[in-house]
Each structure stands twice: as C-alpha cells, then as structure tokens.
Amino acid sequence: MYIPRFFIKQKIALTVNRYDIIAANPDGSMGELICAAEQKRFAFKEQVTFFADPQRTRPVFSFKARKVMDFNSGYDVFDEAGAPIGYFKKDFGASLFRSTFHVEGPGFAGTGQERSQLVALLMRFGDIPFLPIHFDYNDSSGAPLFSIDRQGSVRDKYTVDVRDQRIDFRFAAAVGVGMDALLQR
C-alpha cells in the first residue's frame, strides 16, 4: 500500500502514547484519519498497535521490539495477519552525534539520519519541542526512500514523504511513530 505523503500527530494521554495518522490532501493540507496508534508506556517489551478507527477496535498493523528492555533492539513491523512487512533499528553507536536508524523491507534496505548536525547536537541536551527535526532515509546508493520531518511545535507533528513506491505506507508510519518514541530516550 503506497501513500506518497501523510502526517503523524501525537495526542496527549496520561498512560499511553497516542498518534493519529492523517492523509495529506492534494493541496498539502491535512485530510482524513487513516489510522490511530497506541503505545503503552513503561512496557517491558515495546509494542505499538495501529488501529483502523479512533476507538481502537480493529488492529490493522503493528511493530514490536525483538528483545525485552534493550535500547539496541530492533523492531519488526507486522501486517494485520501478523506477517512481517519490515524491520527498523536505531543505531545507538552512530546516534551519539546524529540519530541514525536502519530500515529493511521487501526489496529495499537503507539508513536514515538527522539532516542537521547542529540540531542533532542541540537535541543531546534535551528534547526542545520548537526545534524542527528532519530525517532522510536513503538506500545504499544514496537514492531517497522516504523522509520524516518534525515541525517545530509543542506537540509532535510529523510530515512523512515517501519517495520510493516499494515503501509500504504501514512501514513508513511505523518508523515515524517508532522514531518519536525512541527519540524521547
């Protein structure tokens, strides 16, 4: 399922992290809700489930950590039936100076990294909500796969641009939500 552009908006909740995944209208504005995601905080094994509706009655895809409470763990992305559709992992060694993620899926593999070294260094001193963050994901030849941009605001809001049609929307949405959760550590 290919969707070239969509938005991720974090919602305020006390015991869970919630996100709305919203379609982009042709004019670039926010459109209809595609799905809603939920992550329980303080879980021993990270898992985020995406639901077809805001009431969270029908799960449609998810991602889950491979290991329990391991900050270097990878995350498998699964479709509604539980079949794998991709994998992503934060590279903690490379992320000391600039956050770096590795991604893999059917027919592609690549690396995503913060675009600005200056913003990356400022983020090391704490999550500064008004700082925009830009991640570019490219394959090994440097061809763009997708990008994730956080707008400078109090609540996290991301624009996801998928440039490679091999990238399943569900995978890009999982990476975007996963980045938000992992950047807060």
N, C-alpha and C. Protein backbone atom coordinates (compact mmCIF):
# COMPACT_ATOMS: atom_id res chain seq x y z
N MET A 1 0.85 -1.17 0.00
CA MET A 1 0.00 0.00 0.00
C MET A 1 0.90 1.24 0.00
N TYR A 2 0.87 1.98 -1.09
CA TYR A 2 1.73 3.16 -1.23
C TYR A 2 0.92 4.43 -1.03
N ILE A 3 1.38 5.28 -0.12
CA ILE A 3 0.80 6.61 0.09
C ILE A 3 1.98 7.58 0.09
N PRO A 4 2.03 8.51 -0.87
CA PRO A 4 3.22 9.36 -1.02
C PRO A 4 3.44 10.37 0.10
N ARG A 5 2.38 10.83 0.77
CA ARG A 5 2.56 11.81 1.84
C ARG A 5 1.44 11.64 2.86
N PHE A 6 1.83 11.70 4.14
CA PHE A 6 0.85 11.68 5.22
C PHE A 6 1.47 12.36 6.44
N PHE A 7 0.65 12.52 7.46
CA PHE A 7 1.08 13.22 8.68
C PHE A 7 0.91 12.31 9.89
N ILE A 8 1.75 12.53 10.89
CA ILE A 8 1.64 11.84 12.17
C ILE A 8 1.52 12.92 13.24
N LYS A 9 0.45 12.85 14.03
CA LYS A 9 0.24 13.81 15.11
C LYS A 9 0.16 13.06 16.44
N GLN A 10 0.99 13.48 17.38
CA GLN A 10 0.92 12.88 18.70
C GLN A 10 -0.23 13.51 19.47
N LYS A 11 -0.96 12.68 20.20
CA LYS A 11 -2.06 13.16 21.03
C LYS A 11 -1.66 13.03 22.50
N ILE A 12 -2.16 13.91 23.31
CA ILE A 12 -1.84 13.91 24.74
C ILE A 12 -2.71 12.87 25.45
N ALA A 13 -2.06 11.98 26.21
CA ALA A 13 -2.74 10.98 27.03
C ALA A 13 -1.84 10.67 28.22
N LEU A 14 -2.43 10.27 29.34
CA LEU A 14 -1.64 10.06 30.55
C LEU A 14 -0.86 8.75 30.58
N THR A 15 -1.49 7.64 30.25
CA THR A 15 -0.84 6.34 30.43
C THR A 15 -0.36 5.69 29.14
N VAL A 16 -0.66 6.30 28.00
CA VAL A 16 -0.24 5.74 26.72
C VAL A 16 0.23 6.87 25.80
N ASN A 17 1.05 6.51 24.83
CA ASN A 17 1.36 7.44 23.74
C ASN A 17 0.37 7.14 22.63
N ARG A 18 -0.30 8.18 22.14
CA ARG A 18 -1.27 8.01 21.06
C ARG A 18 -0.88 8.89 19.89
N TYR A 19 -1.17 8.37 18.71
CA TYR A 19 -0.84 9.07 17.48
C TYR A 19 -1.99 8.92 16.49
N ASP A 20 -2.25 9.97 15.74
CA ASP A 20 -3.16 9.90 14.61
C ASP A 20 -2.33 9.94 13.34
N ILE A 21 -2.65 9.06 12.40
CA ILE A 21 -2.00 9.05 11.09
C ILE A 21 -3.04 9.61 10.13
N ILE A 22 -2.69 10.74 9.49
CA ILE A 22 -3.66 11.52 8.73
C ILE A 22 -3.20 11.64 7.28
N ALA A 23 -4.11 11.44 6.35
CA ALA A 23 -3.80 11.57 4.93
C ALA A 23 -3.53 13.03 4.58
N ALA A 24 -2.71 13.23 3.57
CA ALA A 24 -2.46 14.57 3.04
C ALA A 24 -3.43 14.80 1.87
N ASN A 25 -4.08 15.94 1.88
CA ASN A 25 -4.92 16.34 0.75
C ASN A 25 -4.03 16.74 -0.42
N PRO A 26 -4.58 16.79 -1.63
CA PRO A 26 -3.77 17.20 -2.79
C PRO A 26 -3.10 18.56 -2.63
N ASP A 27 -3.72 19.46 -1.85
CA ASP A 27 -3.12 20.79 -1.65
C ASP A 27 -2.08 20.81 -0.53
N GLY A 28 -1.82 19.63 0.09
CA GLY A 28 -0.82 19.54 1.15
C GLY A 28 -1.38 19.71 2.55
N SER A 29 -2.66 20.04 2.67
CA SER A 29 -3.28 20.18 3.99
C SER A 29 -3.64 18.81 4.56
N MET A 30 -4.01 18.78 5.84
CA MET A 30 -4.39 17.53 6.48
C MET A 30 -5.77 17.10 6.02
N GLY A 31 -5.88 15.81 5.75
CA GLY A 31 -7.14 15.24 5.30
C GLY A 31 -7.76 14.35 6.36
N GLU A 32 -8.21 13.17 5.93
CA GLU A 32 -8.92 12.26 6.81
C GLU A 32 -7.96 11.37 7.59
N LEU A 33 -8.45 10.88 8.73
CA LEU A 33 -7.71 9.94 9.55
C LEU A 33 -7.56 8.62 8.80
N ILE A 34 -6.32 8.14 8.70
CA ILE A 34 -6.05 6.85 8.08
C ILE A 34 -6.11 5.75 9.14
N CYS A 35 -5.44 6.01 10.26
CA CYS A 35 -5.43 5.05 11.37
C CYS A 35 -4.95 5.76 12.63
N ALA A 36 -5.10 5.09 13.75
CA ALA A 36 -4.66 5.62 15.04
C ALA A 36 -3.74 4.61 15.69
N ALA A 37 -2.71 5.09 16.37
CA ALA A 37 -1.73 4.19 17.01
C ALA A 37 -1.71 4.42 18.50
N GLU A 38 -1.33 3.35 19.21
CA GLU A 38 -1.25 3.43 20.67
C GLU A 38 -0.07 2.61 21.17
N GLN A 39 0.70 3.22 22.09
CA GLN A 39 1.83 2.55 22.73
C GLN A 39 1.67 2.71 24.24
N LYS A 40 1.66 1.58 24.94
CA LYS A 40 1.61 1.64 26.40
C LYS A 40 2.97 2.08 26.91
N ARG A 41 2.98 3.02 27.83
CA ARG A 41 4.23 3.48 28.42
C ARG A 41 4.71 2.48 29.46
N PHE A 42 6.01 2.46 29.65
CA PHE A 42 6.65 1.63 30.68
C PHE A 42 6.45 0.14 30.45
N ALA A 43 6.27 -0.28 29.21
CA ALA A 43 6.14 -1.70 28.90
C ALA A 43 7.54 -2.33 28.86
N PHE A 44 7.63 -3.60 29.26
CA PHE A 44 8.92 -4.28 29.24
C PHE A 44 9.37 -4.57 27.81
N LYS A 45 8.43 -4.83 26.93
CA LYS A 45 8.75 -5.08 25.53
C LYS A 45 7.92 -4.11 24.70
N GLU A 46 8.63 -3.17 24.07
CA GLU A 46 7.94 -2.12 23.30
C GLU A 46 7.06 -2.72 22.22
N GLN A 47 5.83 -2.20 22.14
CA GLN A 47 4.92 -2.59 21.08
C GLN A 47 3.98 -1.44 20.81
N VAL A 48 3.74 -1.18 19.54
CA VAL A 48 2.77 -0.16 19.13
C VAL A 48 1.80 -0.83 18.17
N THR A 49 0.51 -0.62 18.42
CA THR A 49 -0.53 -1.18 17.57
C THR A 49 -1.24 -0.04 16.85
N PHE A 50 -1.48 -0.22 15.57
CA PHE A 50 -2.20 0.75 14.74
C PHE A 50 -3.60 0.20 14.48
N PHE A 51 -4.59 1.07 14.65
CA PHE A 51 -5.99 0.66 14.54
C PHE A 51 -6.66 1.40 13.38
N ALA A 52 -7.67 0.75 12.80
CA ALA A 52 -8.39 1.33 11.67
C ALA A 52 -9.28 2.49 12.08
N ASP A 53 -9.59 2.59 13.37
CA ASP A 53 -10.54 3.60 13.83
C ASP A 53 -10.05 4.26 15.12
N PRO A 54 -10.52 5.48 15.40
CA PRO A 54 -10.07 6.17 16.62
C PRO A 54 -10.53 5.48 17.92
N GLN A 55 -11.55 4.63 17.85
CA GLN A 55 -12.00 3.90 19.04
C GLN A 55 -11.10 2.69 19.33
N ARG A 56 -10.17 2.41 18.44
CA ARG A 56 -9.20 1.34 18.59
C ARG A 56 -9.87 -0.04 18.74
N THR A 57 -10.77 -0.33 17.81
CA THR A 57 -11.48 -1.62 17.87
C THR A 57 -10.91 -2.65 16.89
N ARG A 58 -10.24 -2.20 15.80
CA ARG A 58 -9.73 -3.15 14.81
C ARG A 58 -8.26 -2.89 14.52
N PRO A 59 -7.35 -3.74 15.05
CA PRO A 59 -5.93 -3.57 14.74
C PRO A 59 -5.66 -3.89 13.27
N VAL A 60 -4.82 -3.05 12.63
CA VAL A 60 -4.51 -3.26 11.21
C VAL A 60 -3.03 -3.48 10.93
N PHE A 61 -2.15 -3.05 11.81
CA PHE A 61 -0.73 -3.39 11.74
C PHE A 61 -0.07 -2.99 13.04
N SER A 62 1.18 -3.40 13.23
CA SER A 62 1.85 -3.13 14.50
C SER A 62 3.36 -3.23 14.31
N PHE A 63 4.08 -2.79 15.34
CA PHE A 63 5.50 -3.13 15.42
C PHE A 63 5.83 -3.49 16.85
N LYS A 64 6.85 -4.35 16.98
CA LYS A 64 7.20 -4.90 18.28
C LYS A 64 8.71 -5.06 18.38
N ALA A 65 9.25 -4.77 19.57
CA ALA A 65 10.68 -4.94 19.82
C ALA A 65 11.03 -6.42 19.79
N ARG A 66 12.22 -6.71 19.30
CA ARG A 66 12.69 -8.09 19.28
C ARG A 66 13.12 -8.57 20.66
N LYS A 67 13.57 -7.65 21.50
CA LYS A 67 14.08 -8.02 22.82
C LYS A 67 13.36 -7.22 23.90
N VAL A 68 13.45 -7.70 25.11
CA VAL A 68 12.85 -7.03 26.26
C VAL A 68 13.83 -5.99 26.79
N MET A 69 13.36 -4.77 26.97
CA MET A 69 14.11 -3.67 27.59
C MET A 69 15.56 -3.59 27.11
N ASP A 70 15.75 -3.58 25.81
CA ASP A 70 17.08 -3.45 25.22
C ASP A 70 17.04 -2.25 24.29
N PHE A 71 17.79 -1.19 24.63
CA PHE A 71 17.75 0.03 23.84
C PHE A 71 18.37 -0.15 22.46
N ASN A 72 19.06 -1.26 22.25
CA ASN A 72 19.67 -1.53 20.95
C ASN A 72 18.85 -2.55 20.17
N SER A 73 17.63 -2.81 20.62
CA SER A 73 16.78 -3.80 19.98
C SER A 73 16.26 -3.30 18.64
N GLY A 74 15.96 -4.22 17.78
CA GLY A 74 15.31 -3.90 16.52
C GLY A 74 13.81 -4.08 16.67
N TYR A 75 13.07 -3.58 15.70
CA TYR A 75 11.61 -3.60 15.74
C TYR A 75 11.08 -4.20 14.45
N ASP A 76 10.26 -5.23 14.58
CA ASP A 76 9.62 -5.86 13.43
C ASP A 76 8.25 -5.23 13.23
N VAL A 77 7.93 -4.95 11.97
CA VAL A 77 6.63 -4.39 11.60
C VAL A 77 5.81 -5.51 10.97
N PHE A 78 4.57 -5.67 11.45
CA PHE A 78 3.70 -6.76 11.02
C PHE A 78 2.40 -6.21 10.42
N ASP A 79 1.86 -6.93 9.44
CA ASP A 79 0.56 -6.55 8.89
C ASP A 79 -0.55 -7.07 9.80
N GLU A 80 -1.78 -6.90 9.37
CA GLU A 80 -2.95 -7.28 10.17
C GLU A 80 -2.96 -8.77 10.51
N ALA A 81 -2.44 -9.60 9.61
CA ALA A 81 -2.43 -11.05 9.83
C ALA A 81 -1.20 -11.52 10.60
N GLY A 82 -0.29 -10.60 10.93
CA GLY A 82 0.92 -10.97 11.67
C GLY A 82 2.11 -11.31 10.79
N ALA A 83 1.98 -11.11 9.47
CA ALA A 83 3.09 -11.36 8.55
C ALA A 83 4.05 -10.16 8.59
N PRO A 84 5.36 -10.41 8.58
CA PRO A 84 6.32 -9.30 8.63
C PRO A 84 6.32 -8.47 7.34
N ILE A 85 6.40 -7.13 7.50
CA ILE A 85 6.48 -6.25 6.33
C ILE A 85 7.70 -5.33 6.40
N GLY A 86 8.52 -5.49 7.43
CA GLY A 86 9.74 -4.69 7.51
C GLY A 86 10.36 -4.73 8.89
N TYR A 87 11.49 -4.06 9.00
CA TYR A 87 12.28 -4.05 10.23
C TYR A 87 13.02 -2.73 10.31
N PHE A 88 13.09 -2.16 11.52
CA PHE A 88 13.91 -0.96 11.71
C PHE A 88 14.62 -1.05 13.05
N LYS A 89 15.73 -0.32 13.12
CA LYS A 89 16.57 -0.37 14.32
C LYS A 89 17.31 0.94 14.47
N LYS A 90 17.37 1.45 15.69
CA LYS A 90 18.19 2.63 15.96
C LYS A 90 19.62 2.17 16.15
N ASP A 91 20.54 2.85 15.51
CA ASP A 91 21.97 2.56 15.64
C ASP A 91 22.50 3.45 16.76
N PHE A 92 22.61 2.90 17.97
CA PHE A 92 22.96 3.72 19.13
C PHE A 92 24.39 4.23 19.07
N GLY A 93 25.30 3.48 18.47
CA GLY A 93 26.68 3.97 18.33
C GLY A 93 26.74 5.20 17.44
N ALA A 94 26.16 5.10 16.26
CA ALA A 94 26.16 6.23 15.32
C ALA A 94 25.30 7.38 15.83
N SER A 95 24.33 7.07 16.71
CA SER A 95 23.39 8.08 17.19
C SER A 95 23.96 8.96 18.30
N LEU A 96 25.18 8.70 18.71
CA LEU A 96 25.77 9.56 19.74
C LEU A 96 25.88 11.01 19.25
N PHE A 97 26.17 11.18 17.98
CA PHE A 97 26.33 12.53 17.42
C PHE A 97 25.19 12.95 16.51
N ARG A 98 24.55 11.98 15.87
CA ARG A 98 23.43 12.27 14.97
C ARG A 98 22.56 11.01 14.91
N SER A 99 21.31 11.11 15.35
CA SER A 99 20.45 9.93 15.40
C SER A 99 20.40 9.24 14.05
N THR A 100 20.57 7.91 14.10
CA THR A 100 20.65 7.10 12.88
C THR A 100 19.79 5.85 13.05
N PHE A 101 19.02 5.53 12.02
CA PHE A 101 18.17 4.34 12.01
C PHE A 101 18.48 3.53 10.76
N HIS A 102 18.37 2.21 10.87
CA HIS A 102 18.49 1.32 9.72
C HIS A 102 17.12 0.72 9.44
N VAL A 103 16.76 0.61 8.17
CA VAL A 103 15.46 0.08 7.77
C VAL A 103 15.64 -1.00 6.71
N GLU A 104 14.74 -1.99 6.75
CA GLU A 104 14.73 -3.06 5.76
C GLU A 104 13.29 -3.47 5.49
N GLY A 105 13.02 -3.79 4.24
CA GLY A 105 11.71 -4.28 3.87
C GLY A 105 11.81 -5.04 2.56
N PRO A 106 10.70 -5.50 2.02
CA PRO A 106 10.74 -6.24 0.76
C PRO A 106 11.32 -5.40 -0.37
N GLY A 107 12.49 -5.77 -0.82
CA GLY A 107 13.12 -5.10 -1.96
C GLY A 107 13.90 -3.84 -1.64
N PHE A 108 14.06 -3.49 -0.37
CA PHE A 108 14.83 -2.29 -0.05
C PHE A 108 15.53 -2.43 1.31
N ALA A 109 16.58 -1.67 1.47
CA ALA A 109 17.29 -1.52 2.75
C ALA A 109 17.92 -0.14 2.71
N GLY A 110 18.02 0.50 3.86
CA GLY A 110 18.61 1.82 3.87
C GLY A 110 18.90 2.32 5.27
N THR A 111 19.33 3.57 5.32
CA THR A 111 19.70 4.22 6.56
C THR A 111 19.07 5.61 6.59
N GLY A 112 18.57 5.99 7.76
CA GLY A 112 18.03 7.32 7.96
C GLY A 112 18.83 8.05 9.01
N GLN A 113 19.05 9.32 8.77
CA GLN A 113 19.87 10.10 9.69
C GLN A 113 19.35 11.53 9.75
N GLU A 114 19.55 12.16 10.93
CA GLU A 114 19.17 13.56 11.07
C GLU A 114 19.93 14.38 10.04
N ARG A 115 19.24 15.29 9.40
CA ARG A 115 19.82 16.10 8.35
C ARG A 115 20.81 17.13 8.92
N SER A 116 20.50 17.75 10.05
CA SER A 116 21.31 18.82 10.59
C SER A 116 22.15 18.36 11.79
N GLN A 117 23.46 18.46 11.67
CA GLN A 117 24.35 18.12 12.78
C GLN A 117 24.13 19.08 13.95
N LEU A 118 23.89 20.36 13.66
CA LEU A 118 23.67 21.34 14.72
C LEU A 118 22.42 21.01 15.53
N VAL A 119 21.31 20.72 14.86
CA VAL A 119 20.08 20.36 15.57
C VAL A 119 20.31 19.07 16.36
N ALA A 120 21.02 18.11 15.77
CA ALA A 120 21.32 16.86 16.46
C ALA A 120 22.07 17.12 17.77
N LEU A 121 23.05 17.99 17.73
CA LEU A 121 23.81 18.31 18.94
C LEU A 121 22.95 19.03 19.97
N LEU A 122 22.09 19.95 19.53
CA LEU A 122 21.19 20.64 20.46
C LEU A 122 20.22 19.66 21.12
N MET A 123 19.77 18.66 20.37
CA MET A 123 18.85 17.67 20.91
C MET A 123 19.50 16.80 21.99
N ARG A 124 20.81 16.71 21.99
CA ARG A 124 21.51 15.91 23.00
C ARG A 124 21.35 16.53 24.40
N PHE A 125 21.02 17.81 24.45
CA PHE A 125 20.84 18.49 25.73
C PHE A 125 19.39 18.46 26.20
N GLY A 126 18.52 17.79 25.45
CA GLY A 126 17.11 17.68 25.82
C GLY A 126 16.24 17.89 24.61
N ASP A 127 15.06 17.30 24.64
CA ASP A 127 14.12 17.45 23.53
C ASP A 127 13.55 18.87 23.57
N ILE A 128 13.95 19.66 22.61
CA ILE A 128 13.50 21.04 22.52
C ILE A 128 12.35 21.05 21.51
N PRO A 129 11.09 21.18 21.98
CA PRO A 129 9.94 20.96 21.10
C PRO A 129 9.83 21.89 19.91
N PHE A 130 10.38 23.08 20.00
CA PHE A 130 10.22 24.00 18.87
C PHE A 130 11.29 23.81 17.79
N LEU A 131 12.25 22.91 18.03
CA LEU A 131 13.26 22.64 17.01
C LEU A 131 12.71 21.67 15.97
N PRO A 132 12.75 22.04 14.71
CA PRO A 132 12.34 21.08 13.68
C PRO A 132 13.43 20.01 13.52
N ILE A 133 12.99 18.79 13.29
CA ILE A 133 13.93 17.67 13.09
C ILE A 133 13.63 17.07 11.73
N HIS A 134 14.67 16.83 10.95
CA HIS A 134 14.50 16.27 9.60
C HIS A 134 15.34 15.01 9.49
N PHE A 135 14.70 13.93 9.06
CA PHE A 135 15.39 12.67 8.81
C PHE A 135 15.24 12.31 7.34
N ASP A 136 16.33 11.95 6.72
CA ASP A 136 16.32 11.47 5.34
C ASP A 136 16.73 10.01 5.34
N TYR A 137 15.90 9.16 4.75
CA TYR A 137 16.20 7.73 4.61
C TYR A 137 16.58 7.47 3.17
N ASN A 138 17.75 6.88 2.97
CA ASN A 138 18.27 6.59 1.63
C ASN A 138 18.74 5.14 1.56
N ASP A 139 18.73 4.59 0.34
CA ASP A 139 19.28 3.25 0.19
C ASP A 139 20.80 3.34 0.09
N SER A 140 21.47 2.21 -0.09
CA SER A 140 22.93 2.20 -0.08
C SER A 140 23.56 2.98 -1.23
N SER A 141 22.81 3.21 -2.30
CA SER A 141 23.34 4.00 -3.42
C SER A 141 23.08 5.50 -3.24
N GLY A 142 22.37 5.86 -2.16
CA GLY A 142 22.05 7.26 -1.90
C GLY A 142 20.70 7.70 -2.43
N ALA A 143 19.97 6.79 -3.09
CA ALA A 143 18.64 7.13 -3.61
C ALA A 143 17.66 7.30 -2.45
N PRO A 144 16.80 8.33 -2.49
CA PRO A 144 15.87 8.56 -1.39
C PRO A 144 14.79 7.48 -1.30
N LEU A 145 14.53 7.04 -0.07
CA LEU A 145 13.43 6.12 0.21
C LEU A 145 12.24 6.90 0.76
N PHE A 146 12.46 7.61 1.88
CA PHE A 146 11.43 8.46 2.46
C PHE A 146 12.08 9.45 3.41
N SER A 147 11.32 10.46 3.81
CA SER A 147 11.82 11.44 4.78
C SER A 147 10.74 11.68 5.82
N ILE A 148 11.20 12.03 7.01
CA ILE A 148 10.29 12.32 8.13
C ILE A 148 10.74 13.65 8.71
N ASP A 149 9.83 14.61 8.74
CA ASP A 149 10.14 15.95 9.24
C ASP A 149 9.22 16.30 10.40
N ARG A 150 9.82 16.66 11.55
CA ARG A 150 9.03 17.14 12.68
C ARG A 150 8.96 18.65 12.61
N GLN A 151 7.74 19.16 12.64
CA GLN A 151 7.55 20.60 12.65
C GLN A 151 7.84 21.11 14.06
N GLY A 152 8.33 22.33 14.14
CA GLY A 152 8.58 22.94 15.44
C GLY A 152 7.29 23.32 16.11
N SER A 153 6.87 22.54 17.11
CA SER A 153 5.65 22.82 17.86
C SER A 153 5.74 22.15 19.22
N VAL A 154 4.82 22.48 20.10
CA VAL A 154 4.84 21.89 21.44
C VAL A 154 4.51 20.40 21.38
N ARG A 155 3.48 20.03 20.62
CA ARG A 155 3.16 18.61 20.43
C ARG A 155 3.81 18.14 19.14
N ASP A 156 4.27 16.90 19.16
CA ASP A 156 4.97 16.38 17.99
C ASP A 156 4.01 16.19 16.82
N LYS A 157 4.43 16.72 15.67
CA LYS A 157 3.69 16.59 14.43
C LYS A 157 4.72 16.36 13.33
N TYR A 158 4.54 15.30 12.56
CA TYR A 158 5.50 14.91 11.54
C TYR A 158 4.83 14.89 10.17
N THR A 159 5.61 15.24 9.17
CA THR A 159 5.22 15.04 7.77
C THR A 159 6.10 13.93 7.23
N VAL A 160 5.47 12.93 6.62
CA VAL A 160 6.21 11.80 6.06
C VAL A 160 6.03 11.84 4.54
N ASP A 161 7.14 11.96 3.82
CA ASP A 161 7.14 11.94 2.36
C ASP A 161 7.81 10.65 1.90
N VAL A 162 7.03 9.81 1.23
CA VAL A 162 7.54 8.52 0.75
C VAL A 162 7.87 8.67 -0.73
N ARG A 163 9.13 8.58 -1.05
CA ARG A 163 9.58 8.81 -2.44
C ARG A 163 9.72 7.51 -3.23
N ASP A 164 9.92 6.40 -2.56
CA ASP A 164 10.12 5.12 -3.22
C ASP A 164 8.83 4.30 -3.10
N GLN A 165 8.27 3.88 -4.22
CA GLN A 165 6.98 3.18 -4.20
C GLN A 165 7.07 1.78 -3.61
N ARG A 166 8.27 1.29 -3.35
CA ARG A 166 8.41 -0.01 -2.67
C ARG A 166 8.12 0.10 -1.18
N ILE A 167 8.08 1.32 -0.65
CA ILE A 167 7.87 1.52 0.78
C ILE A 167 6.38 1.48 1.09
N ASP A 168 5.99 0.48 1.83
CA ASP A 168 4.60 0.33 2.26
C ASP A 168 4.28 1.45 3.25
N PHE A 169 3.14 2.08 3.08
CA PHE A 169 2.70 3.14 3.98
C PHE A 169 2.78 2.69 5.43
N ARG A 170 2.37 1.46 5.70
CA ARG A 170 2.34 0.96 7.08
C ARG A 170 3.75 0.93 7.67
N PHE A 171 4.72 0.59 6.85
CA PHE A 171 6.09 0.56 7.33
C PHE A 171 6.58 1.98 7.65
N ALA A 172 6.34 2.92 6.75
CA ALA A 172 6.78 4.31 6.97
C ALA A 172 6.09 4.90 8.20
N ALA A 173 4.82 4.59 8.41
CA ALA A 173 4.10 5.07 9.59
C ALA A 173 4.69 4.47 10.86
N ALA A 174 5.03 3.19 10.83
CA ALA A 174 5.63 2.53 11.99
C ALA A 174 6.99 3.15 12.33
N VAL A 175 7.79 3.43 11.32
CA VAL A 175 9.10 4.05 11.56
C VAL A 175 8.92 5.45 12.13
N GLY A 176 7.97 6.22 11.61
CA GLY A 176 7.73 7.57 12.12
C GLY A 176 7.31 7.58 13.58
N VAL A 177 6.38 6.71 13.94
CA VAL A 177 5.93 6.62 15.33
C VAL A 177 7.07 6.07 16.19
N GLY A 178 7.78 5.06 15.68
CA GLY A 178 8.91 4.50 16.42
C GLY A 178 9.99 5.51 16.68
N MET A 179 10.30 6.34 15.69
CA MET A 179 11.31 7.39 15.88
C MET A 179 10.88 8.32 17.01
N ASP A 180 9.62 8.73 17.01
CA ASP A 180 9.17 9.65 18.06
C ASP A 180 9.36 9.02 19.43
N ALA A 181 8.96 7.77 19.58
CA ALA A 181 9.10 7.09 20.87
C ALA A 181 10.58 6.90 21.24
N LEU A 182 11.42 6.54 20.27
CA LEU A 182 12.83 6.27 20.56
C LEU A 182 13.63 7.54 20.77
N LEU A 183 13.26 8.65 20.15
CA LEU A 183 13.99 9.90 20.33
C LEU A 183 13.76 10.48 21.72
N GLN A 184 12.74 10.02 22.40
CA GLN A 184 12.45 10.54 23.72
C GLN A 184 13.24 9.82 24.80
N ARG A 185 14.19 8.96 24.41
CA ARG A 185 15.03 8.26 25.39
C ARG A 185 16.37 8.89 25.43
